Amino acid sequence: MTSTLYRSDRFLALSRTVLRLLIKLNATIGILILALLVATLVAGPFV
């Protein structure tokens, strides 16, 4: 029983870590896409 609880706690911790990472990655990608959009408006031919 305790090994199941321990495994469950590990999976919850992993889930929290992965979701926090995905939140940060999503924000980074959103900012980079916005920067690319602005770059095409400011320096279209070069970009």
All heavy atoms as atom14 arrays in JSON, in Angstrom:
{
  "sequence": "MTSTLYRSDRFLALSRTVLRLLIKLNATIGILILALLVATLVAGPFV",
  "atom14_mask": [
    [1, 1, 1, 1, 1, 1, 1, 1, 0, 0, 0, 0, 0, 0],
    [1, 1, 1, 1, 1, 1, 1, 0, 0, 0, 0, 0, 0, 0],
    [1, 1, 1, 1, 1, 1, 0, 0, 0, 0, 0, 0, 0, 0],
    [1, 1, 1, 1, 1, 1, 1, 0, 0, 0, 0, 0, 0, 0],
    [1, 1, 1, 1, 1, 1, 1, 1, 0, 0, 0, 0, 0, 0],
    [1, 1, 1, 1, 1, 1, 1, 1, 1, 1, 1, 1, 0, 0],
    [1, 1, 1, 1, 1, 1, 1, 1, 1, 1, 1, 0, 0, 0],
    [1, 1, 1, 1, 1, 1, 0, 0, 0, 0, 0, 0, 0, 0],
    [1, 1, 1, 1, 1, 1, 1, 1, 0, 0, 0, 0, 0, 0],
    [1, 1, 1, 1, 1, 1, 1, 1, 1, 1, 1, 0, 0, 0],
    [1, 1, 1, 1, 1, 1, 1, 1, 1, 1, 1, 0, 0, 0],
    [1, 1, 1, 1, 1, 1, 1, 1, 0, 0, 0, 0, 0, 0],
    [1, 1, 1, 1, 1, 0, 0, 0, 0, 0, 0, 0, 0, 0],
    [1, 1, 1, 1, 1, 1, 1, 1, 0, 0, 0, 0, 0, 0],
    [1, 1, 1, 1, 1, 1, 0, 0, 0, 0, 0, 0, 0, 0],
    [1, 1, 1, 1, 1, 1, 1, 1, 1, 1, 1, 0, 0, 0],
    [1, 1, 1, 1, 1, 1, 1, 0, 0, 0, 0, 0, 0, 0],
    [1, 1, 1, 1, 1, 1, 1, 0, 0, 0, 0, 0, 0, 0],
    [1, 1, 1, 1, 1, 1, 1, 1, 0, 0, 0, 0, 0, 0],
    [1, 1, 1, 1, 1, 1, 1, 1, 1, 1, 1, 0, 0, 0],
    [1, 1, 1, 1, 1, 1, 1, 1, 0, 0, 0, 0, 0, 0],
    [1, 1, 1, 1, 1, 1, 1, 1, 0, 0, 0, 0, 0, 0],
    [1, 1, 1, 1, 1, 1, 1, 1, 0, 0, 0, 0, 0, 0],
    [1, 1, 1, 1, 1, 1, 1, 1, 1, 0, 0, 0, 0, 0],
    [1, 1, 1, 1, 1, 1, 1, 1, 0, 0, 0, 0, 0, 0],
    [1, 1, 1, 1, 1, 1, 1, 1, 0, 0, 0, 0, 0, 0],
    [1, 1, 1, 1, 1, 0, 0, 0, 0, 0, 0, 0, 0, 0],
    [1, 1, 1, 1, 1, 1, 1, 0, 0, 0, 0, 0, 0, 0],
    [1, 1, 1, 1, 1, 1, 1, 1, 0, 0, 0, 0, 0, 0],
    [1, 1, 1, 1, 0, 0, 0, 0, 0, 0, 0, 0, 0, 0],
    [1, 1, 1, 1, 1, 1, 1, 1, 0, 0, 0, 0, 0, 0],
    [1, 1, 1, 1, 1, 1, 1, 1, 0, 0, 0, 0, 0, 0],
    [1, 1, 1, 1, 1, 1, 1, 1, 0, 0, 0, 0, 0, 0],
    [1, 1, 1, 1, 1, 1, 1, 1, 0, 0, 0, 0, 0, 0],
    [1, 1, 1, 1, 1, 0, 0, 0, 0, 0, 0, 0, 0, 0],
    [1, 1, 1, 1, 1, 1, 1, 1, 0, 0, 0, 0, 0, 0],
    [1, 1, 1, 1, 1, 1, 1, 1, 0, 0, 0, 0, 0, 0],
    [1, 1, 1, 1, 1, 1, 1, 0, 0, 0, 0, 0, 0, 0],
    [1, 1, 1, 1, 1, 0, 0, 0, 0, 0, 0, 0, 0, 0],
    [1, 1, 1, 1, 1, 1, 1, 0, 0, 0, 0, 0, 0, 0],
    [1, 1, 1, 1, 1, 1, 1, 1, 0, 0, 0, 0, 0, 0],
    [1, 1, 1, 1, 1, 1, 1, 0, 0, 0, 0, 0, 0, 0],
    [1, 1, 1, 1, 1, 0, 0, 0, 0, 0, 0, 0, 0, 0],
    [1, 1, 1, 1, 0, 0, 0, 0, 0, 0, 0, 0, 0, 0],
    [1, 1, 1, 1, 1, 1, 1, 0, 0, 0, 0, 0, 0, 0],
    [1, 1, 1, 1, 1, 1, 1, 1, 1, 1, 1, 0, 0, 0],
    [1, 1, 1, 1, 1, 1, 1, 0, 0, 0, 0, 0, 0, 0]
  ],
  "atom14_positions": [
    [[0.82, -1.19, 0.0], [0.0, 0.0, 0.0], [0.87, 1.26, 0.0], [0.59, 2.19, -0.71], [-0.92, -0.04, 1.22], [-1.8, 1.17, 1.37], [-3.16, 1.07, 0.22], [-4.03, 2.52, 0.65], [0.0, 0.0, 0.0], [0.0, 0.0, 0.0], [0.0, 0.0, 0.0], [0.0, 0.0, 0.0], [0.0, 0.0, 0.0], [0.0, 0.0, 0.0]],
    [[1.91, 1.28, 0.8], [2.75, 2.47, 0.86], [3.5, 2.71, -0.44], [3.73, 3.84, -0.81], [3.76, 2.38, 2.02], [4.54, 1.21, 1.85], [3.05, 2.38, 3.35], [0.0, 0.0, 0.0], [0.0, 0.0, 0.0], [0.0, 0.0, 0.0], [0.0, 0.0, 0.0], [0.0, 0.0, 0.0], [0.0, 0.0, 0.0], [0.0, 0.0, 0.0]],
    [[3.87, 1.63, -1.14], [4.56, 1.83, -2.42], [3.63, 2.46, -3.43], [4.06, 3.27, -4.25], [5.13, 0.51, -2.93], [4.09, -0.37, -3.29], [0.0, 0.0, 0.0], [0.0, 0.0, 0.0], [0.0, 0.0, 0.0], [0.0, 0.0, 0.0], [0.0, 0.0, 0.0], [0.0, 0.0, 0.0], [0.0, 0.0, 0.0], [0.0, 0.0, 0.0]],
    [[2.35, 2.13, -3.39], [1.37, 2.73, -4.3], [1.2, 4.21, -3.98], [1.16, 5.05, -4.89], [0.01, 2.01, -4.19], [0.2, 0.63, -4.43], [-0.97, 2.57, -5.19], [0.0, 0.0, 0.0], [0.0, 0.0, 0.0], [0.0, 0.0, 0.0], [0.0, 0.0, 0.0], [0.0, 0.0, 0.0], [0.0, 0.0, 0.0], [0.0, 0.0, 0.0]],
    [[1.14, 4.56, -2.71], [1.03, 5.96, -2.33], [2.27, 6.74, -2.74], [2.18, 7.86, -3.24], [0.8, 6.09, -0.83], [-0.58, 5.69, -0.32], [-0.62, 5.77, 1.2], [-1.65, 6.56, -0.93], [0.0, 0.0, 0.0], [0.0, 0.0, 0.0], [0.0, 0.0, 0.0], [0.0, 0.0, 0.0], [0.0, 0.0, 0.0], [0.0, 0.0, 0.0]],
    [[3.43, 6.14, -2.53], [4.67, 6.81, -2.91], [4.71, 7.05, -4.42], [5.06, 8.13, -4.87], [5.87, 5.97, -2.46], [7.19, 6.54, -2.9], [7.68, 7.71, -2.32], [7.95, 5.92, -3.89], [8.88, 8.25, -2.71], [9.15, 6.45, -4.29], [9.61, 7.62, -3.7], [10.8, 8.15, -4.1], [0.0, 0.0, 0.0], [0.0, 0.0, 0.0]],
    [[4.31, 6.05, -5.19], [4.29, 6.19, -6.65], [3.29, 7.26, -7.06], [3.56, 8.07, -7.93], [3.95, 4.85, -7.29], [4.16, 4.86, -8.78], [3.93, 3.53, -9.44], [4.08, 2.42, -8.51], [3.51, 1.25, -8.66], [2.76, 1.02, -9.7], [3.69, 0.29, -7.79], [0.0, 0.0, 0.0], [0.0, 0.0, 0.0], [0.0, 0.0, 0.0]],
    [[2.15, 7.28, -6.41], [1.14, 8.28, -6.69], [1.66, 9.68, -6.41], [1.45, 10.61, -7.19], [-0.11, 7.99, -5.85], [-0.97, 9.08, -5.85], [0.0, 0.0, 0.0], [0.0, 0.0, 0.0], [0.0, 0.0, 0.0], [0.0, 0.0, 0.0], [0.0, 0.0, 0.0], [0.0, 0.0, 0.0], [0.0, 0.0, 0.0], [0.0, 0.0, 0.0]],
    [[2.34, 9.85, -5.27], [2.92, 11.16, -4.94], [3.98, 11.57, -5.96], [4.07, 12.74, -6.33], [3.55, 11.12, -3.54], [2.5, 11.03, -2.44], [1.32, 11.32, -2.72], [2.88, 10.65, -1.32], [0.0, 0.0, 0.0], [0.0, 0.0, 0.0], [0.0, 0.0, 0.0], [0.0, 0.0, 0.0], [0.0, 0.0, 0.0], [0.0, 0.0, 0.0]],
    [[4.76, 10.62, -6.43], [5.78, 10.93, -7.45], [5.12, 11.39, -8.74], [5.58, 12.32, -9.37], [6.64, 9.7, -7.72], [7.67, 9.45, -6.66], [8.7, 8.41, -7.04], [8.46, 7.75, -8.29], [8.72, 6.47, -8.54], [9.23, 5.72, -7.59], [8.49, 5.94, -9.71], [0.0, 0.0, 0.0], [0.0, 0.0, 0.0], [0.0, 0.0, 0.0]],
    [[4.03, 10.71, -9.14], [3.33, 11.1, -10.37], [2.69, 12.47, -10.23], [2.69, 13.26, -11.18], [2.29, 10.06, -10.77], [2.89, 8.79, -11.31], [2.4, 7.56, -10.93], [3.94, 8.81, -12.2], [2.94, 6.39, -11.42], [4.51, 7.65, -12.71], [4.01, 6.44, -12.31], [0.0, 0.0, 0.0], [0.0, 0.0, 0.0], [0.0, 0.0, 0.0]],
    [[2.14, 12.77, -9.06], [1.58, 14.1, -8.84], [2.66, 15.17, -8.91], [2.48, 16.22, -9.52], [0.86, 14.17, -7.49], [-0.53, 13.56, -7.45], [-1.04, 13.53, -6.02], [-1.47, 14.33, -8.34], [0.0, 0.0, 0.0], [0.0, 0.0, 0.0], [0.0, 0.0, 0.0], [0.0, 0.0, 0.0], [0.0, 0.0, 0.0], [0.0, 0.0, 0.0]],
    [[3.8, 14.9, -8.3], [4.91, 15.85, -8.34], [5.4, 16.04, -9.77], [5.68, 17.16, -10.21], [6.04, 15.37, -7.44], [0.0, 0.0, 0.0], [0.0, 0.0, 0.0], [0.0, 0.0, 0.0], [0.0, 0.0, 0.0], [0.0, 0.0, 0.0], [0.0, 0.0, 0.0], [0.0, 0.0, 0.0], [0.0, 0.0, 0.0], [0.0, 0.0, 0.0]],
    [[5.49, 14.94, -10.5], [5.91, 15.02, -11.91], [4.89, 15.81, -12.72], [5.26, 16.65, -13.54], [6.09, 13.62, -12.49], [6.48, 13.54, -13.95], [7.84, 14.19, -14.17], [6.49, 12.09, -14.42], [0.0, 0.0, 0.0], [0.0, 0.0, 0.0], [0.0, 0.0, 0.0], [0.0, 0.0, 0.0], [0.0, 0.0, 0.0], [0.0, 0.0, 0.0]],
    [[3.6, 15.58, -12.48], [2.56, 16.31, -13.19], [2.65, 17.8, -12.93], [2.54, 18.61, -13.86], [1.17, 15.81, -12.77], [1.01, 14.46, -13.1], [0.0, 0.0, 0.0], [0.0, 0.0, 0.0], [0.0, 0.0, 0.0], [0.0, 0.0, 0.0], [0.0, 0.0, 0.0], [0.0, 0.0, 0.0], [0.0, 0.0, 0.0], [0.0, 0.0, 0.0]],
    [[2.85, 18.17, -11.68], [2.97, 19.6, -11.35], [4.18, 20.21, -12.04], [4.11, 21.3, -12.61], [3.08, 19.78, -9.83], [1.77, 19.62, -9.11], [1.84, 20.15, -7.68], [2.97, 19.65, -6.91], [2.95, 18.55, -6.17], [1.87, 17.82, -6.1], [4.01, 18.19, -5.48], [0.0, 0.0, 0.0], [0.0, 0.0, 0.0], [0.0, 0.0, 0.0]],
    [[5.29, 19.49, -12.01], [6.51, 20.0, -12.64], [6.33, 20.17, -14.14], [6.7, 21.2, -14.71], [7.69, 19.05, -12.36], [7.85, 18.92, -10.95], [8.97, 19.56, -12.97], [0.0, 0.0, 0.0], [0.0, 0.0, 0.0], [0.0, 0.0, 0.0], [0.0, 0.0, 0.0], [0.0, 0.0, 0.0], [0.0, 0.0, 0.0], [0.0, 0.0, 0.0]],
    [[5.74, 19.17, -14.78], [5.54, 19.23, -16.23], [4.59, 20.37, -16.59], [4.84, 21.13, -17.53], [5.03, 17.88, -16.78], [4.52, 18.01, -18.2], [6.12, 16.83, -16.68], [0.0, 0.0, 0.0], [0.0, 0.0, 0.0], [0.0, 0.0, 0.0], [0.0, 0.0, 0.0], [0.0, 0.0, 0.0], [0.0, 0.0, 0.0], [0.0, 0.0, 0.0]],
    [[3.51, 20.52, -15.84], [2.55, 21.6, -16.14], [3.19, 22.98, -15.93], [2.97, 23.88, -16.73], [1.29, 21.44, -15.3], [0.35, 20.35, -15.78], [-0.72, 20.05, -14.74], [-0.29, 20.73, -17.1], [0.0, 0.0, 0.0], [0.0, 0.0, 0.0], [0.0, 0.0, 0.0], [0.0, 0.0, 0.0], [0.0, 0.0, 0.0], [0.0, 0.0, 0.0]],
    [[3.97, 23.13, -14.88], [4.66, 24.42, -14.67], [5.63, 24.71, -15.81], [5.75, 25.84, -16.28], [5.38, 24.41, -13.33], [4.43, 24.52, -12.16], [5.19, 24.59, -10.84], [4.27, 24.63, -9.74], [4.29, 23.82, -8.7], [5.24, 22.91, -8.59], [3.41, 23.92, -7.74], [0.0, 0.0, 0.0], [0.0, 0.0, 0.0], [0.0, 0.0, 0.0]],
    [[6.34, 23.69, -16.26], [7.25, 23.85, -17.39], [6.49, 24.21, -18.66], [6.9, 25.1, -19.4], [8.05, 22.56, -17.6], [9.0, 22.54, -18.78], [10.14, 23.54, -18.57], [9.58, 21.15, -18.98], [0.0, 0.0, 0.0], [0.0, 0.0, 0.0], [0.0, 0.0, 0.0], [0.0, 0.0, 0.0], [0.0, 0.0, 0.0], [0.0, 0.0, 0.0]],
    [[5.37, 23.55, -18.9], [4.56, 23.84, -20.09], [4.0, 25.26, -20.05], [3.92, 25.92, -21.09], [3.44, 22.82, -20.23], [3.85, 21.42, -20.66], [2.68, 20.45, -20.59], [4.45, 21.44, -22.06], [0.0, 0.0, 0.0], [0.0, 0.0, 0.0], [0.0, 0.0, 0.0], [0.0, 0.0, 0.0], [0.0, 0.0, 0.0], [0.0, 0.0, 0.0]],
    [[3.63, 25.73, -18.87], [3.13, 27.1, -18.75], [4.23, 28.1, -19.14], [4.0, 29.04, -19.91], [2.6, 27.36, -17.32], [1.28, 26.61, -17.11], [2.43, 28.86, -17.07], [0.79, 26.59, -15.68], [0.0, 0.0, 0.0], [0.0, 0.0, 0.0], [0.0, 0.0, 0.0], [0.0, 0.0, 0.0], [0.0, 0.0, 0.0], [0.0, 0.0, 0.0]],
    [[5.44, 27.87, -18.64], [6.56, 28.76, -18.98], [6.93, 28.66, -20.45], [7.19, 29.68, -21.11], [7.77, 28.43, -18.1], [7.57, 28.8, -16.66], [8.75, 28.38, -15.81], [8.46, 28.69, -14.35], [9.49, 28.2, -13.45], [0.0, 0.0, 0.0], [0.0, 0.0, 0.0], [0.0, 0.0, 0.0], [0.0, 0.0, 0.0], [0.0, 0.0, 0.0]],
    [[6.94, 27.45, -20.98], [7.27, 27.25, -22.39], [6.22, 27.91, -23.29], [6.58, 28.55, -24.28], [7.37, 25.75, -22.68], [7.81, 25.34, -24.07], [9.22, 25.84, -24.35], [7.77, 23.82, -24.2], [0.0, 0.0, 0.0], [0.0, 0.0, 0.0], [0.0, 0.0, 0.0], [0.0, 0.0, 0.0], [0.0, 0.0, 0.0], [0.0, 0.0, 0.0]],
    [[4.96, 27.78, -22.94], [3.9, 28.4, -23.72], [4.04, 29.92, -23.73], [3.9, 30.56, -24.78], [2.53, 27.99, -23.14], [1.39, 28.66, -23.86], [1.21, 28.49, -25.06], [0.62, 29.43, -23.13], [0.0, 0.0, 0.0], [0.0, 0.0, 0.0], [0.0, 0.0, 0.0], [0.0, 0.0, 0.0], [0.0, 0.0, 0.0], [0.0, 0.0, 0.0]],
    [[4.35, 30.51, -22.57], [4.54, 31.96, -22.51], [5.72, 32.39, -23.36], [5.65, 33.38, -24.1], [4.73, 32.4, -21.06], [0.0, 0.0, 0.0], [0.0, 0.0, 0.0], [0.0, 0.0, 0.0], [0.0, 0.0, 0.0], [0.0, 0.0, 0.0], [0.0, 0.0, 0.0], [0.0, 0.0, 0.0], [0.0, 0.0, 0.0], [0.0, 0.0, 0.0]],
    [[6.79, 31.63, -23.3], [7.98, 31.95, -24.1], [7.68, 31.88, -25.59], [8.05, 32.78, -26.35], [9.13, 30.98, -23.75], [9.4, 31.07, -22.35], [10.38, 31.29, -24.54], [0.0, 0.0, 0.0], [0.0, 0.0, 0.0], [0.0, 0.0, 0.0], [0.0, 0.0, 0.0], [0.0, 0.0, 0.0], [0.0, 0.0, 0.0], [0.0, 0.0, 0.0]],
    [[6.99, 30.83, -25.99], [6.66, 30.69, -27.41], [5.72, 31.8, -27.86], [5.88, 32.36, -28.95], [6.08, 29.29, -27.69], [7.18, 28.24, -27.54], [5.43, 29.21, -29.07], [6.69, 26.81, -27.59], [0.0, 0.0, 0.0], [0.0, 0.0, 0.0], [0.0, 0.0, 0.0], [0.0, 0.0, 0.0], [0.0, 0.0, 0.0], [0.0, 0.0, 0.0]],
    [[4.75, 32.14, -27.03], [3.84, 33.24, -27.37], [4.59, 34.54, -27.57], [4.33, 35.29, -28.52], [0.0, 0.0, 0.0], [0.0, 0.0, 0.0], [0.0, 0.0, 0.0], [0.0, 0.0, 0.0], [0.0, 0.0, 0.0], [0.0, 0.0, 0.0], [0.0, 0.0, 0.0], [0.0, 0.0, 0.0], [0.0, 0.0, 0.0], [0.0, 0.0, 0.0]],
    [[5.54, 34.83, -26.68], [6.33, 36.05, -26.79], [7.2, 36.03, -28.05], [7.32, 37.03, -28.75], [7.18, 36.26, -25.52], [6.27, 36.6, -24.34], [8.24, 37.33, -25.73], [6.95, 36.54, -23.0], [0.0, 0.0, 0.0], [0.0, 0.0, 0.0], [0.0, 0.0, 0.0], [0.0, 0.0, 0.0], [0.0, 0.0, 0.0], [0.0, 0.0, 0.0]],
    [[7.78, 34.88, -28.34], [8.63, 34.77, -29.54], [7.81, 34.93, -30.83], [8.27, 35.57, -31.78], [9.38, 33.44, -29.54], [10.48, 33.3, -28.49], [11.05, 31.89, -28.5], [11.57, 34.33, -28.73], [0.0, 0.0, 0.0], [0.0, 0.0, 0.0], [0.0, 0.0, 0.0], [0.0, 0.0, 0.0], [0.0, 0.0, 0.0], [0.0, 0.0, 0.0]],
    [[6.61, 34.36, -30.85], [5.76, 34.53, -32.03], [5.36, 35.99, -32.18], [5.35, 36.54, -33.3], [4.52, 33.61, -31.96], [4.94, 32.15, -32.05], [3.54, 33.95, -33.08], [3.8, 31.17, -31.8], [0.0, 0.0, 0.0], [0.0, 0.0, 0.0], [0.0, 0.0, 0.0], [0.0, 0.0, 0.0], [0.0, 0.0, 0.0], [0.0, 0.0, 0.0]],
    [[5.04, 36.65, -31.06], [4.71, 38.07, -31.12], [5.9, 38.88, -31.62], [5.74, 39.78, -32.45], [4.27, 38.56, -29.73], [3.94, 40.05, -29.63], [2.76, 40.4, -30.53], [3.64, 40.41, -28.19], [0.0, 0.0, 0.0], [0.0, 0.0, 0.0], [0.0, 0.0, 0.0], [0.0, 0.0, 0.0], [0.0, 0.0, 0.0], [0.0, 0.0, 0.0]],
    [[7.1, 38.55, -31.16], [8.3, 39.25, -31.62], [8.51, 39.05, -33.12], [8.87, 39.99, -33.83], [9.52, 38.76, -30.84], [0.0, 0.0, 0.0], [0.0, 0.0, 0.0], [0.0, 0.0, 0.0], [0.0, 0.0, 0.0], [0.0, 0.0, 0.0], [0.0, 0.0, 0.0], [0.0, 0.0, 0.0], [0.0, 0.0, 0.0], [0.0, 0.0, 0.0]],
    [[8.25, 37.84, -33.6], [8.39, 37.59, -35.03], [7.35, 38.38, -35.83], [7.67, 38.93, -36.88], [8.25, 36.09, -35.32], [8.43, 35.64, -36.76], [9.83, 36.02, -37.27], [8.21, 34.15, -36.89], [0.0, 0.0, 0.0], [0.0, 0.0, 0.0], [0.0, 0.0, 0.0], [0.0, 0.0, 0.0], [0.0, 0.0, 0.0], [0.0, 0.0, 0.0]],
    [[6.14, 38.45, -35.31], [5.09, 39.23, -35.98], [5.48, 40.7, -36.05], [5.38, 41.33, -37.11], [3.76, 39.05, -35.24], [2.58, 39.88, -35.76], [2.26, 39.5, -37.21], [1.36, 39.67, -34.88], [0.0, 0.0, 0.0], [0.0, 0.0, 0.0], [0.0, 0.0, 0.0], [0.0, 0.0, 0.0], [0.0, 0.0, 0.0], [0.0, 0.0, 0.0]],
    [[5.96, 41.24, -34.95], [6.39, 42.65, -34.93], [7.57, 42.85, -35.87], [7.64, 43.84, -36.6], [6.73, 43.09, -33.49], [7.42, 44.45, -33.46], [5.47, 43.1, -32.63], [0.0, 0.0, 0.0], [0.0, 0.0, 0.0], [0.0, 0.0, 0.0], [0.0, 0.0, 0.0], [0.0, 0.0, 0.0], [0.0, 0.0, 0.0], [0.0, 0.0, 0.0]],
    [[8.49, 41.89, -35.9], [9.66, 42.01, -36.79], [9.23, 42.03, -38.25], [9.83, 42.75, -39.05], [10.62, 40.85, -36.54], [0.0, 0.0, 0.0], [0.0, 0.0, 0.0], [0.0, 0.0, 0.0], [0.0, 0.0, 0.0], [0.0, 0.0, 0.0], [0.0, 0.0, 0.0], [0.0, 0.0, 0.0], [0.0, 0.0, 0.0], [0.0, 0.0, 0.0]],
    [[8.21, 41.27, -38.62], [7.76, 41.29, -40.01], [7.1, 42.62, -40.36], [7.12, 43.04, -41.51], [6.77, 40.15, -40.32], [5.58, 40.31, -39.56], [7.4, 38.81, -40.1], [0.0, 0.0, 0.0], [0.0, 0.0, 0.0], [0.0, 0.0, 0.0], [0.0, 0.0, 0.0], [0.0, 0.0, 0.0], [0.0, 0.0, 0.0], [0.0, 0.0, 0.0]],
    [[6.53, 43.29, -39.35], [5.92, 44.59, -39.59], [6.96, 45.69, -39.67], [6.83, 46.64, -40.44], [4.9, 44.9, -38.5], [3.69, 43.98, -38.43], [2.88, 44.25, -37.18], [2.83, 44.1, -39.67], [0.0, 0.0, 0.0], [0.0, 0.0, 0.0], [0.0, 0.0, 0.0], [0.0, 0.0, 0.0], [0.0, 0.0, 0.0], [0.0, 0.0, 0.0]],
    [[8.01, 45.58, -38.85], [9.04, 46.63, -38.79], [10.08, 46.46, -39.9], [10.42, 47.42, -40.58], [9.72, 46.63, -37.4], [10.89, 47.59, -37.35], [8.7, 46.95, -36.32], [0.0, 0.0, 0.0], [0.0, 0.0, 0.0], [0.0, 0.0, 0.0], [0.0, 0.0, 0.0], [0.0, 0.0, 0.0], [0.0, 0.0, 0.0], [0.0, 0.0, 0.0]],
    [[10.57, 45.26, -40.07], [11.63, 45.0, -41.04], [11.22, 43.86, -41.95], [11.91, 42.84, -42.06], [12.93, 44.68, -40.32], [0.0, 0.0, 0.0], [0.0, 0.0, 0.0], [0.0, 0.0, 0.0], [0.0, 0.0, 0.0], [0.0, 0.0, 0.0], [0.0, 0.0, 0.0], [0.0, 0.0, 0.0], [0.0, 0.0, 0.0], [0.0, 0.0, 0.0]],
    [[10.09, 44.01, -42.61], [9.49, 42.96, -43.43], [10.42, 42.25, -44.39], [10.61, 41.04, -44.3], [0.0, 0.0, 0.0], [0.0, 0.0, 0.0], [0.0, 0.0, 0.0], [0.0, 0.0, 0.0], [0.0, 0.0, 0.0], [0.0, 0.0, 0.0], [0.0, 0.0, 0.0], [0.0, 0.0, 0.0], [0.0, 0.0, 0.0], [0.0, 0.0, 0.0]],
    [[11.04, 42.96, -45.34], [11.87, 42.27, -46.34], [13.06, 41.52, -45.73], [13.37, 40.41, -46.14], [12.36, 43.41, -47.24], [11.38, 44.5, -47.06], [10.88, 44.38, -45.65], [0.0, 0.0, 0.0], [0.0, 0.0, 0.0], [0.0, 0.0, 0.0], [0.0, 0.0, 0.0], [0.0, 0.0, 0.0], [0.0, 0.0, 0.0], [0.0, 0.0, 0.0]],
    [[13.7, 42.11, -44.73], [14.84, 41.46, -44.1], [14.41, 40.18, -43.4], [15.06, 39.14, -43.53], [15.52, 42.42, -43.11], [16.61, 41.77, -42.32], [17.83, 41.47, -42.9], [16.41, 41.41, -40.99], [18.84, 40.85, -42.19], [17.41, 40.79, -40.26], [18.63, 40.52, -40.85], [0.0, 0.0, 0.0], [0.0, 0.0, 0.0], [0.0, 0.0, 0.0]],
    [[13.32, 40.24, -42.66], [12.83, 39.07, -41.93], [12.36, 38.0, -42.91], [12.63, 36.81, -42.71], [11.69, 39.47, -40.96], [11.05, 38.24, -40.32], [12.22, 40.42, -39.89], [0.0, 0.0, 0.0], [0.0, 0.0, 0.0], [0.0, 0.0, 0.0], [0.0, 0.0, 0.0], [0.0, 0.0, 0.0], [0.0, 0.0, 0.0], [0.0, 0.0, 0.0]]
  ]
}
